[in-house]
Amino acid sequence: MKWDSYLRGYQTFIQLEKSLSTNTVMAYLHDVKMFIQYLEASGKDLQPADVELHHLQAFLKWVTELGMTARTQARVISGMKSFYKYLQLEDLAQKDPTELLDAPKIGRKLPVVMSIEEIEKLIDAIDLSKPEGERNKAMLETLYGCGLRVTELIDLKISALHFQEGFIRIIGKGNKERLIPIGKTAQKQIRIYMESVRKMQTIKRGDEDILFLNRRGAKLSRVMIFTIIKELKEKAGVKKDISPHTFRHSFATHLVEGGADLRAVQDMLGHESITTTEIYTHLDREYLRSTIIQHHPRN
């Protein structure tokens, strides 16, 4: 089954023409490879152009039996739809078998959010007697203070810090640039880290402009950020199931609770659609109540 050339072309397409992040590219490729695995396991020697709707429906039944959740199934369908869109654009398939493929209905899951007190507990749990302590404190203040994604945090460059103007420049999903206000607390902690820790390091070639570095003077990995937060959670005694993304959710929720305009929050988070941002209003019923009272003509 010769799908390799199709996958190479698809990878180039979503990397260059769609400007998707490395993680999204890997996820989309993984979805198509999973379908290839299914075809091989079921003894079906098909080319992409030979695939029909019933093959995809049988594939979905197969992944359901493997224990895949509805949310993951929906993502896999999205990956397959993207793959066939590429094949049609390149005239490699005449029909799109994913066109009538229905994604399973999934309820909108409200994100886990930490209280201000829980965030302070985590930050207070950092051991500042160690060099990485100042770095970790600066990272957490930046995560919470700017609502960054993990990839945006580890890719943050010194040249993107515009403290005089009170902004940082971020390259987010789809290679889109946005400016995010950064508060005095995060600015102060970043300066402390740069002066007392980073300045003393031997920096790996190519990472000179990366802000947050590991002990070897190289860019941090996503796994390292998850590990740092997991260890701090245990140390601080925070019971919630949290991750680096929880800081982003907390940033947005606390802004909405404080009365921030939803469009402004959307811009800061880099959401393409306001409906993605609206999930944070579900976390604050008081915000909804006050909005209705303020704007409804009968009130």
C-alpha atoms as a PDB file:
ATOM      1  CA  MET A   1       0.000   0.000   0.000  1.00  0.00           C
ATOM      2  CA  LYS A   2       1.808   3.102  -1.258  1.00  0.00           C
ATOM      3  CA  TRP A   3       0.522   6.029   0.769  1.00  0.00           C
ATOM      4  CA  ASP A   4       3.956   7.479   1.645  1.00  0.00           C
ATOM      5  CA  SER A   5       4.130   9.861  -1.327  1.00  0.00           C
ATOM      6  CA  TYR A   6       0.631  11.155  -0.566  1.00  0.00           C
ATOM      7  CA  LEU A   7       1.574  11.740   3.070  1.00  0.00           C
ATOM      8  CA  ARG A   8       4.760  13.598   2.118  1.00  0.00           C
ATOM      9  CA  GLY A   9       2.832  15.891  -0.214  1.00  0.00           C
ATOM     10  CA  TYR A  10       0.113  16.412   2.409  1.00  0.00           C
ATOM     11  CA  GLN A  11       2.694  17.253   5.076  1.00  0.00           C
ATOM     12  CA  THR A  12       4.309  19.872   2.827  1.00  0.00           C
ATOM     13  CA  PHE A  13       0.874  21.299   2.028  1.00  0.00           C
ATOM     14  CA  ILE A  14      -0.261  21.773   5.641  1.00  0.00           C
ATOM     15  CA  GLN A  15       3.169  22.985   6.767  1.00  0.00           C
ATOM     16  CA  LEU A  16       3.799  25.553   4.050  1.00  0.00           C
ATOM     17  CA  GLU A  17       0.452  26.512   2.563  1.00  0.00           C
ATOM     18  CA  LYS A  18      -1.667  26.210   5.713  1.00  0.00           C
ATOM     19  CA  SER A  19       1.111  27.391   8.080  1.00  0.00           C
ATOM     20  CA  LEU A  20      -0.028  24.962  10.784  1.00  0.00           C
ATOM     21  CA  SER A  21       2.062  24.446  13.914  1.00  0.00           C
ATOM     22  CA  THR A  22       4.350  21.407  14.183  1.00  0.00           C
ATOM     23  CA  ASN A  23       2.045  19.803  16.781  1.00  0.00           C
ATOM     24  CA  THR A  24      -1.050  20.220  14.566  1.00  0.00           C
ATOM     25  CA  VAL A  25       0.820  18.848  11.539  1.00  0.00           C
ATOM     26  CA  MET A  26       1.891  15.772  13.535  1.00  0.00           C
ATOM     27  CA  ALA A  27      -1.685  15.255  14.802  1.00  0.00           C
ATOM     28  CA  TYR A  28      -3.152  15.408  11.264  1.00  0.00           C
ATOM     29  CA  LEU A  29      -0.545  12.992   9.914  1.00  0.00           C
ATOM     30  CA  HIS A  30      -1.195  10.645  12.844  1.00  0.00           C
ATOM     31  CA  ASP A  31      -4.924  10.572  11.976  1.00  0.00           C
ATOM     32  CA  VAL A  32      -4.268   9.532   8.366  1.00  0.00           C
ATOM     33  CA  LYS A  33      -1.664   6.958   9.477  1.00  0.00           C
ATOM     34  CA  MET A  34      -4.240   5.475  11.842  1.00  0.00           C
ATOM     35  CA  PHE A  35      -6.589   4.971   8.890  1.00  0.00           C
ATOM     36  CA  ILE A  36      -3.741   3.287   6.955  1.00  0.00           C
ATOM     37  CA  GLN A  37      -3.195   0.971   9.951  1.00  0.00           C
ATOM     38  CA  TYR A  38      -6.884   0.061   9.874  1.00  0.00           C
ATOM     39  CA  LEU A  39      -6.734  -0.767   6.141  1.00  0.00           C
ATOM     40  CA  GLU A  40      -3.683  -2.972   6.673  1.00  0.00           C
ATOM     41  CA  ALA A  41      -5.247  -4.696   9.712  1.00  0.00           C
ATOM     42  CA  SER A  42      -8.425  -5.451   7.772  1.00  0.00           C
ATOM     43  CA  GLY A  43      -6.562  -6.619   4.645  1.00  0.00           C
ATOM     44  CA  LYS A  44      -7.841  -3.838   2.370  1.00  0.00           C
ATOM     45  CA  ASP A  45      -5.278  -2.840  -0.284  1.00  0.00           C
ATOM     46  CA  LEU A  46      -6.710   0.532  -1.315  1.00  0.00           C
ATOM     47  CA  GLN A  47      -5.261   3.716  -2.757  1.00  0.00           C
ATOM     48  CA  PRO A  48      -6.608   7.046  -1.374  1.00  0.00           C
ATOM     49  CA  ALA A  49      -8.758   7.543  -4.496  1.00  0.00           C
ATOM     50  CA  ASP A  50     -10.362   4.085  -3.984  1.00  0.00           C
ATOM     51  CA  VAL A  51     -11.629   4.835  -0.463  1.00  0.00           C
ATOM     52  CA  GLU A  52     -15.401   5.152  -0.088  1.00  0.00           C
ATOM     53  CA  LEU A  53     -17.708   6.300   2.679  1.00  0.00           C
ATOM     54  CA  HIS A  54     -18.396   2.774   3.964  1.00  0.00           C
ATOM     55  CA  HIS A  55     -14.648   2.206   4.448  1.00  0.00           C
ATOM     56  CA  LEU A  56     -14.446   5.300   6.648  1.00  0.00           C
ATOM     57  CA  GLN A  57     -17.557   4.293   8.595  1.00  0.00           C
ATOM     58  CA  ALA A  58     -16.029   0.867   9.242  1.00  0.00           C
ATOM     59  CA  PHE A  59     -12.814   2.617  10.329  1.00  0.00           C
ATOM     60  CA  LEU A  60     -14.755   4.709  12.868  1.00  0.00           C
ATOM     61  CA  LYS A  61     -16.394   1.580  14.240  1.00  0.00           C
ATOM     62  CA  TRP A  62     -12.909   0.059  14.567  1.00  0.00           C
ATOM     63  CA  VAL A  63     -11.503   3.013  16.544  1.00  0.00           C
ATOM     64  CA  THR A  64     -14.620   3.040  18.768  1.00  0.00           C
ATOM     65  CA  GLU A  65     -13.965  -0.600  19.636  1.00  0.00           C
ATOM     66  CA  LEU A  66     -10.377   0.390  20.515  1.00  0.00           C
ATOM     67  CA  GLY A  67     -11.868   2.683  23.182  1.00  0.00           C
ATOM     68  CA  MET A  68     -11.366   6.017  21.440  1.00  0.00           C
ATOM     69  CA  THR A  69     -13.498   8.824  22.893  1.00  0.00           C
ATOM     70  CA  ALA A  70     -16.027  10.797  20.849  1.00  0.00           C
ATOM     71  CA  ARG A  71     -13.812  13.879  21.096  1.00  0.00           C
ATOM     72  CA  THR A  72     -10.797  12.009  19.655  1.00  0.00           C
ATOM     73  CA  GLN A  73     -12.992  10.484  16.936  1.00  0.00           C
ATOM     74  CA  ALA A  74     -14.139  13.979  15.953  1.00  0.00           C
ATOM     75  CA  ARG A  75     -10.493  15.064  15.669  1.00  0.00           C
ATOM     76  CA  VAL A  76      -9.635  12.015  13.526  1.00  0.00           C
ATOM     77  CA  ILE A  77     -12.541  12.820  11.166  1.00  0.00           C
ATOM     78  CA  SER A  78     -11.280  16.396  10.933  1.00  0.00           C
ATOM     79  CA  GLY A  79      -7.831  15.057   9.972  1.00  0.00           C
ATOM     80  CA  MET A  80      -9.265  12.800   7.273  1.00  0.00           C
ATOM     81  CA  LYS A  81     -11.406  15.626   5.852  1.00  0.00           C
ATOM     82  CA  SER A  82      -8.308  17.839   5.658  1.00  0.00           C
ATOM     83  CA  PHE A  83      -6.362  15.058   3.882  1.00  0.00           C
ATOM     84  CA  TYR A  84      -9.047  14.591   1.217  1.00  0.00           C
ATOM     85  CA  LYS A  85      -9.393  18.329   0.727  1.00  0.00           C
ATOM     86  CA  TYR A  86      -5.674  18.330  -0.139  1.00  0.00           C
ATOM     87  CA  LEU A  87      -6.072  15.348  -2.532  1.00  0.00           C
ATOM     88  CA  GLN A  88      -8.863  17.133  -4.389  1.00  0.00           C
ATOM     89  CA  LEU A  89      -6.912  20.383  -4.649  1.00  0.00           C
ATOM     90  CA  GLU A  90      -4.015  18.444  -6.166  1.00  0.00           C
ATOM     91  CA  ASP A  91      -6.310  16.383  -8.455  1.00  0.00           C
ATOM     92  CA  LEU A  92      -5.199  13.189  -6.737  1.00  0.00           C
ATOM     93  CA  ALA A  93      -8.788  12.119  -5.984  1.00  0.00           C
ATOM     94  CA  GLN A  94     -11.962  12.821  -7.936  1.00  0.00           C
ATOM     95  CA  LYS A  95     -14.365  12.380  -5.038  1.00  0.00           C
ATOM     96  CA  ASP A  96     -14.307  13.178  -1.326  1.00  0.00           C
ATOM     97  CA  PRO A  97     -15.536  10.151   0.687  1.00  0.00           C
ATOM     98  CA  THR A  98     -15.448  12.221   3.914  1.00  0.00           C
ATOM     99  CA  GLU A  99     -18.120  14.615   2.640  1.00  0.00           C
ATOM    100  CA  LEU A 100     -21.013  12.698   4.226  1.00  0.00           C
ATOM    101  CA  LEU A 101     -19.014  11.430   7.198  1.00  0.00           C
ATOM    102  CA  ASP A 102     -20.702  12.599  10.391  1.00  0.00           C
ATOM    103  CA  ALA A 103     -18.632  13.439  13.429  1.00  0.00           C
ATOM    104  CA  PRO A 104     -19.938  12.118  16.782  1.00  0.00           C
ATOM    105  CA  LYS A 105     -21.761  14.685  18.891  1.00  0.00           C
ATOM    106  CA  ILE A 106     -19.604  15.895  21.745  1.00  0.00           C
ATOM    107  CA  GLY A 107     -20.667  18.086  24.599  1.00  0.00           C
ATOM    108  CA  ARG A 108     -18.671  21.194  25.272  1.00  0.00           C
ATOM    109  CA  LYS A 109     -16.424  20.434  28.208  1.00  0.00           C
ATOM    110  CA  LEU A 110     -15.813  23.330  30.543  1.00  0.00           C
ATOM    111  CA  PRO A 111     -12.101  23.803  31.212  1.00  0.00           C
ATOM    112  CA  VAL A 112     -10.517  23.440  34.644  1.00  0.00           C
ATOM    113  CA  VAL A 113      -9.796  26.861  36.136  1.00  0.00           C
ATOM    114  CA  MET A 114      -7.676  27.722  39.146  1.00  0.00           C
ATOM    115  CA  SER A 115      -8.607  30.390  41.649  1.00  0.00           C
ATOM    116  CA  ILE A 116      -6.237  33.329  42.222  1.00  0.00           C
ATOM    117  CA  GLU A 117      -5.341  31.743  45.577  1.00  0.00           C
ATOM    118  CA  GLU A 118      -4.401  28.434  43.925  1.00  0.00           C
ATOM    119  CA  ILE A 119      -2.180  30.219  41.402  1.00  0.00           C
ATOM    120  CA  GLU A 120      -0.463  32.080  44.231  1.00  0.00           C
ATOM    121  CA  LYS A 121       0.046  28.771  46.076  1.00  0.00           C
ATOM    122  CA  LEU A 122       1.796  27.290  43.028  1.00  0.00           C
ATOM    123  CA  ILE A 123       4.038  30.319  42.577  1.00  0.00           C
ATOM    124  CA  ASP A 124       4.844  30.395  46.316  1.00  0.00           C
ATOM    125  CA  ALA A 125       5.851  26.710  46.118  1.00  0.00           C
ATOM    126  CA  ILE A 126       8.759  27.542  43.760  1.00  0.00           C
ATOM    127  CA  ASP A 127      12.183  27.150  45.384  1.00  0.00           C
ATOM    128  CA  LEU A 128      13.911  30.460  44.597  1.00  0.00           C
ATOM    129  CA  SER A 129      17.190  29.266  46.147  1.00  0.00           C
ATOM    130  CA  LYS A 130      17.801  27.272  42.949  1.00  0.00           C
ATOM    131  CA  PRO A 131      18.683  29.020  39.655  1.00  0.00           C
ATOM    132  CA  GLU A 132      15.769  27.390  37.855  1.00  0.00           C
ATOM    133  CA  GLY A 133      13.448  28.772  40.545  1.00  0.00           C
ATOM    134  CA  GLU A 134      13.676  32.330  39.197  1.00  0.00           C
ATOM    135  CA  ARG A 135      13.119  31.006  35.673  1.00  0.00           C
ATOM    136  CA  ASN A 136      10.092  28.930  36.729  1.00  0.00           C
ATOM    137  CA  LYS A 137       8.553  31.891  38.545  1.00  0.00           C
ATOM    138  CA  ALA A 138       9.044  34.083  35.470  1.00  0.00           C
ATOM    139  CA  MET A 139       7.455  31.391  33.274  1.00  0.00           C
ATOM    140  CA  LEU A 140       4.380  30.968  35.481  1.00  0.00           C
ATOM    141  CA  GLU A 141       3.905  34.738  35.810  1.00  0.00           C
ATOM    142  CA  THR A 142       4.092  34.975  31.995  1.00  0.00           C
ATOM    143  CA  LEU A 143       1.740  32.023  31.416  1.00  0.00           C
ATOM    144  CA  TYR A 144      -0.886  33.465  33.746  1.00  0.00           C
ATOM    145  CA  GLY A 145      -0.198  37.138  33.020  1.00  0.00           C
ATOM    146  CA  CYS A 146      -0.451  36.781  29.221  1.00  0.00           C
ATOM    147  CA  GLY A 147      -2.574  33.647  28.686  1.00  0.00           C
ATOM    148  CA  LEU A 148       0.007  31.951  26.474  1.00  0.00           C
ATOM    149  CA  ARG A 149      -0.106  28.475  24.990  1.00  0.00           C
ATOM    150  CA  VAL A 150       2.807  26.198  26.008  1.00  0.00           C
ATOM    151  CA  THR A 151       4.425  26.412  22.563  1.00  0.00           C
ATOM    152  CA  GLU A 152       4.148  30.207  22.625  1.00  0.00           C
ATOM    153  CA  LEU A 153       5.903  30.270  26.012  1.00  0.00           C
ATOM    154  CA  ILE A 154       8.851  28.084  25.000  1.00  0.00           C
ATOM    155  CA  ASP A 155       9.215  29.949  21.683  1.00  0.00           C
ATOM    156  CA  LEU A 156       9.086  33.408  23.315  1.00  0.00           C
ATOM    157  CA  LYS A 157      12.035  35.530  22.157  1.00  0.00           C
ATOM    158  CA  ILE A 158      13.878  38.317  23.943  1.00  0.00           C
ATOM    159  CA  SER A 159      13.478  40.439  20.807  1.00  0.00           C
ATOM    160  CA  ALA A 160       9.682  40.067  21.204  1.00  0.00           C
ATOM    161  CA  LEU A 161       9.675  41.753  24.643  1.00  0.00           C
ATOM    162  CA  HIS A 162       8.570  45.372  24.360  1.00  0.00           C
ATOM    163  CA  PHE A 163       8.431  46.298  28.028  1.00  0.00           C
ATOM    164  CA  GLN A 164       8.618  50.050  27.426  1.00  0.00           C
ATOM    165  CA  GLU A 165       5.345  49.833  25.501  1.00  0.00           C
ATOM    166  CA  GLY A 166       3.973  47.145  27.873  1.00  0.00           C
ATOM    167  CA  PHE A 167       3.557  44.416  25.209  1.00  0.00           C
ATOM    168  CA  ILE A 168       5.049  41.132  24.079  1.00  0.00           C
ATOM    169  CA  ARG A 169       4.868  39.883  20.486  1.00  0.00           C
ATOM    170  CA  ILE A 170       3.673  36.318  20.010  1.00  0.00           C
ATOM    171  CA  ILE A 171       3.635  34.064  16.942  1.00  0.00           C
ATOM    172  CA  GLY A 172       0.631  31.822  17.568  1.00  0.00           C
ATOM    173  CA  LYS A 173      -1.302  29.130  15.717  1.00  0.00           C
ATOM    174  CA  GLY A 174      -1.216  29.388  11.942  1.00  0.00           C
ATOM    175  CA  ASN A 175       1.920  31.561  12.215  1.00  0.00           C
ATOM    176  CA  LYS A 176      -0.292  34.514  13.191  1.00  0.00           C
ATOM    177  CA  GLU A 177       1.267  37.360  15.096  1.00  0.00           C
ATOM    178  CA  ARG A 178      -0.424  39.141  17.986  1.00  0.00           C
ATOM    179  CA  LEU A 179       0.546  41.700  20.598  1.00  0.00           C
ATOM    180  CA  ILE A 180      -0.369  40.927  24.208  1.00  0.00           C
ATOM    181  CA  PRO A 181      -0.196  43.379  27.119  1.00  0.00           C
ATOM    182  CA  ILE A 182       2.196  42.227  29.845  1.00  0.00           C
ATOM    183  CA  GLY A 183       1.788  43.413  33.429  1.00  0.00           C
ATOM    184  CA  LYS A 184       4.392  44.823  35.794  1.00  0.00           C
ATOM    185  CA  THR A 185       4.617  41.613  37.880  1.00  0.00           C
ATOM    186  CA  ALA A 186       5.570  39.411  34.910  1.00  0.00           C
ATOM    187  CA  GLN A 187       7.940  42.101  33.560  1.00  0.00           C
ATOM    188  CA  LYS A 188       9.708  42.373  36.913  1.00  0.00           C
ATOM    189  CA  GLN A 189      10.135  38.589  37.239  1.00  0.00           C
ATOM    190  CA  ILE A 190      11.449  38.230  33.685  1.00  0.00           C
ATOM    191  CA  ARG A 191      14.039  40.957  34.373  1.00  0.00           C
ATOM    192  CA  ILE A 192      15.134  39.225  37.610  1.00  0.00           C
ATOM    193  CA  TYR A 193      15.540  35.911  35.738  1.00  0.00           C
ATOM    194  CA  MET A 194      17.480  37.504  32.868  1.00  0.00           C
ATOM    195  CA  GLU A 195      19.841  39.421  35.156  1.00  0.00           C
ATOM    196  CA  SER A 196      20.455  36.813  37.864  1.00  0.00           C
ATOM    197  CA  VAL A 197      20.266  33.514  35.942  1.00  0.00           C
ATOM    198  CA  ARG A 198      20.149  33.711  32.166  1.00  0.00           C
ATOM    199  CA  LYS A 199      23.064  36.166  31.890  1.00  0.00           C
ATOM    200  CA  MET A 200      25.326  33.612  33.633  1.00  0.00           C
ATOM    201  CA  GLN A 201      24.535  30.750  31.232  1.00  0.00           C
ATOM    202  CA  THR A 202      26.469  29.451  28.266  1.00  0.00           C
ATOM    203  CA  ILE A 203      23.812  29.553  25.574  1.00  0.00           C
ATOM    204  CA  LYS A 204      23.486  26.923  22.864  1.00  0.00           C
ATOM    205  CA  ARG A 205      24.117  28.232  19.368  1.00  0.00           C
ATOM    206  CA  GLY A 206      20.857  29.169  17.674  1.00  0.00           C
ATOM    207  CA  ASP A 207      18.996  29.731  20.969  1.00  0.00           C
ATOM    208  CA  GLU A 208      20.557  33.121  21.790  1.00  0.00           C
ATOM    209  CA  ASP A 209      17.224  34.935  21.356  1.00  0.00           C
ATOM    210  CA  ILE A 210      15.083  32.351  23.201  1.00  0.00           C
ATOM    211  CA  LEU A 211      13.997  33.739  26.586  1.00  0.00           C
ATOM    212  CA  PHE A 212      13.510  30.644  28.751  1.00  0.00           C
ATOM    213  CA  LEU A 213      16.391  28.147  28.712  1.00  0.00           C
ATOM    214  CA  ASN A 214      17.180  24.852  30.409  1.00  0.00           C
ATOM    215  CA  ARG A 215      20.348  24.191  32.446  1.00  0.00           C
ATOM    216  CA  ARG A 216      22.283  23.435  29.261  1.00  0.00           C
ATOM    217  CA  GLY A 217      21.407  26.834  27.786  1.00  0.00           C
ATOM    218  CA  ALA A 218      18.960  25.386  25.244  1.00  0.00           C
ATOM    219  CA  LYS A 219      15.265  25.920  24.570  1.00  0.00           C
ATOM    220  CA  LEU A 220      12.901  24.120  26.934  1.00  0.00           C
ATOM    221  CA  SER A 221      10.624  21.312  25.753  1.00  0.00           C
ATOM    222  CA  ARG A 222       6.851  21.125  26.210  1.00  0.00           C
ATOM    223  CA  VAL A 223       7.321  18.038  28.398  1.00  0.00           C
ATOM    224  CA  MET A 224       9.585  20.009  30.742  1.00  0.00           C
ATOM    225  CA  ILE A 225       6.892  22.669  31.305  1.00  0.00           C
ATOM    226  CA  PHE A 226       4.313  19.959  32.088  1.00  0.00           C
ATOM    227  CA  THR A 227       6.769  18.309  34.514  1.00  0.00           C
ATOM    228  CA  ILE A 228       7.538  21.580  36.331  1.00  0.00           C
ATOM    229  CA  ILE A 229       3.834  22.318  36.849  1.00  0.00           C
ATOM    230  CA  LYS A 230       3.051  18.749  37.939  1.00  0.00           C
ATOM    231  CA  GLU A 231       5.786  18.903  40.600  1.00  0.00           C
ATOM    232  CA  LEU A 232       4.616  22.322  41.834  1.00  0.00           C
ATOM    233  CA  LYS A 233       1.007  21.081  42.011  1.00  0.00           C
ATOM    234  CA  GLU A 234       2.074  18.230  44.326  1.00  0.00           C
ATOM    235  CA  LYS A 235       4.214  20.547  46.433  1.00  0.00           C
ATOM    236  CA  ALA A 236       1.507  23.209  46.754  1.00  0.00           C
ATOM    237  CA  GLY A 237      -1.225  20.672  47.510  1.00  0.00           C
ATOM    238  CA  VAL A 238      -3.475  21.804  44.663  1.00  0.00           C
ATOM    239  CA  LYS A 239      -6.044  19.039  44.120  1.00  0.00           C
ATOM    240  CA  LYS A 240      -7.300  20.023  40.656  1.00  0.00           C
ATOM    241  CA  ASP A 241      -6.086  18.226  37.530  1.00  0.00           C
ATOM    242  CA  ILE A 242      -4.012  21.047  36.045  1.00  0.00           C
ATOM    243  CA  SER A 243      -1.623  21.552  33.139  1.00  0.00           C
ATOM    244  CA  PRO A 244       0.166  24.564  31.596  1.00  0.00           C
ATOM    245  CA  HIS A 245      -3.036  25.263  29.631  1.00  0.00           C
ATOM    246  CA  THR A 246      -4.924  25.718  32.933  1.00  0.00           C
ATOM    247  CA  PHE A 247      -3.059  29.020  33.374  1.00  0.00           C
ATOM    248  CA  ARG A 248      -4.429  30.169  30.006  1.00  0.00           C
ATOM    249  CA  HIS A 249      -7.974  29.172  31.004  1.00  0.00           C
ATOM    250  CA  SER A 250      -7.555  30.944  34.344  1.00  0.00           C
ATOM    251  CA  PHE A 251      -6.201  34.086  32.646  1.00  0.00           C
ATOM    252  CA  ALA A 252      -9.269  34.280  30.376  1.00  0.00           C
ATOM    253  CA  THR A 253     -11.810  33.420  33.088  1.00  0.00           C
ATOM    254  CA  HIS A 254     -10.454  35.967  35.555  1.00  0.00           C
ATOM    255  CA  LEU A 255     -10.530  38.659  32.845  1.00  0.00           C
ATOM    256  CA  VAL A 256     -14.181  37.864  32.027  1.00  0.00           C
ATOM    257  CA  GLU A 257     -15.058  37.814  35.736  1.00  0.00           C
ATOM    258  CA  GLY A 258     -13.436  41.217  36.056  1.00  0.00           C
ATOM    259  CA  GLY A 259     -15.699  42.601  33.303  1.00  0.00           C
ATOM    260  CA  ALA A 260     -13.271  42.514  30.356  1.00  0.00           C
ATOM    261  CA  ASP A 261     -14.780  42.837  26.874  1.00  0.00           C
ATOM    262  CA  LEU A 262     -15.082  39.418  25.220  1.00  0.00           C
ATOM    263  CA  ARG A 263     -13.620  40.710  21.931  1.00  0.00           C
ATOM    264  CA  ALA A 264     -10.529  41.966  23.776  1.00  0.00           C
ATOM    265  CA  VAL A 265     -10.114  38.563  25.459  1.00  0.00           C
ATOM    266  CA  GLN A 266     -10.521  36.892  22.036  1.00  0.00           C
ATOM    267  CA  ASP A 267      -7.711  39.055  20.600  1.00  0.00           C
ATOM    268  CA  MET A 268      -5.397  38.340  23.535  1.00  0.00           C
ATOM    269  CA  LEU A 269      -5.965  34.586  23.316  1.00  0.00           C
ATOM    270  CA  GLY A 270      -5.597  34.568  19.527  1.00  0.00           C
ATOM    271  CA  HIS A 271      -8.927  32.801  18.956  1.00  0.00           C
ATOM    272  CA  GLU A 272     -10.170  32.927  15.368  1.00  0.00           C
ATOM    273  CA  SER A 273     -13.807  32.687  16.445  1.00  0.00           C
ATOM    274  CA  ILE A 274     -15.561  34.499  19.278  1.00  0.00           C
ATOM    275  CA  THR A 275     -17.507  31.272  19.967  1.00  0.00           C
ATOM    276  CA  THR A 276     -14.282  29.667  21.223  1.00  0.00           C
ATOM    277  CA  THR A 277     -13.820  32.535  23.681  1.00  0.00           C
ATOM    278  CA  GLU A 278     -17.451  32.418  24.796  1.00  0.00           C
ATOM    279  CA  ILE A 279     -16.789  29.225  26.760  1.00  0.00           C
ATOM    280  CA  TYR A 280     -15.351  31.451  29.494  1.00  0.00           C
ATOM    281  CA  THR A 281     -18.714  33.126  30.015  1.00  0.00           C
ATOM    282  CA  HIS A 282     -20.114  29.702  30.959  1.00  0.00           C
ATOM    283  CA  LEU A 283     -17.697  29.701  33.867  1.00  0.00           C
ATOM    284  CA  ASP A 284     -19.073  32.970  35.192  1.00  0.00           C
ATOM    285  CA  ARG A 285     -22.854  32.956  35.516  1.00  0.00           C
ATOM    286  CA  GLU A 286     -22.728  36.323  37.254  1.00  0.00           C
ATOM    287  CA  TYR A 287     -21.203  37.818  34.094  1.00  0.00           C
ATOM    288  CA  LEU A 288     -24.121  36.473  32.037  1.00  0.00           C
ATOM    289  CA  ARG A 289     -26.689  37.699  34.556  1.00  0.00           C
ATOM    290  CA  SER A 290     -25.258  41.234  34.707  1.00  0.00           C
ATOM    291  CA  THR A 291     -24.954  41.406  30.886  1.00  0.00           C
ATOM    292  CA  ILE A 292     -28.643  40.502  30.449  1.00  0.00           C
ATOM    293  CA  ILE A 293     -29.748  42.970  33.127  1.00  0.00           C
ATOM    294  CA  GLN A 294     -27.643  45.728  31.582  1.00  0.00           C
ATOM    295  CA  HIS A 295     -28.565  45.227  27.920  1.00  0.00           C
ATOM    296  CA  HIS A 296     -32.041  43.671  27.722  1.00  0.00           C
ATOM    297  CA  PRO A 297     -34.705  46.295  26.886  1.00  0.00           C
ATOM    298  CA  ARG A 298     -37.152  44.904  29.472  1.00  0.00           C
ATOM    299  CA  ASN A 299     -34.598  45.445  32.228  1.00  0.00           C
END
